[in-house]
């Protein structure tokens, strides 16, 4: 964890775009407008790199199923990666890969300690962005709506195409995923917003037609100068 110290406040006062994995990314089309932005990719974002025309500078995955399903793709990513230390045997540390200790808990300002998973990888990314010193986080692709059966956090096999992510192959074709927990995710998001604003920082949700009501809203076209 000592290696993480070198990342502290590396981007003090800067902006980062957190690219989540919702179907709304398909509505946005090309993400080439992000080429001059610092970007953060999550989980299976590698499935959309060619489709959307952008490459993340930072990446995070902490869900055990996601990591087990994506080992080779994660290793191949040429960016700074944060992986749950639980999966150290699958994705070892290297020059670009950092292990972080994660569990459910409080918002963590110091990722050399224990990062809260908060029922959503987006919450983990927000804590990392805070530690890196970013003043503003813009979120896209966080649709915050899901089709599923059963209870939150239950593991289910998805035999058909995945309707909840930008790619039908994300968890589709017989892969197992953990049902989302919208209620607890929103608890985490409220905590994140409070922590950022306490420090004079901002989280902006610029998801196209996103259902989350926790963060300040903005039109991504306006934020990135794309017109309306």
Foldseek 3Di string as FASTA:
>chain_A
DVVCVVLFQQPAAAEEEEEEFFQLLVVVWAPCLCAVHAYEYEQVCVVCCVRRVDAHQEYEYEDPQSCVVCLVVVQPRPHAYEYAPVCCVSHPDDPRYDHFHEDADAQDLDRNHYHHCQQHVVLSVLSSCNRSNYQEYEYENQQLDADDDDDAQDKDFAAFFGNTGNGRVSRYNGRIDGHGDSVSSLVSLLNSQVVSVVVVGAYEYQYDNHPDDRHHYDPVCVVSVNHD
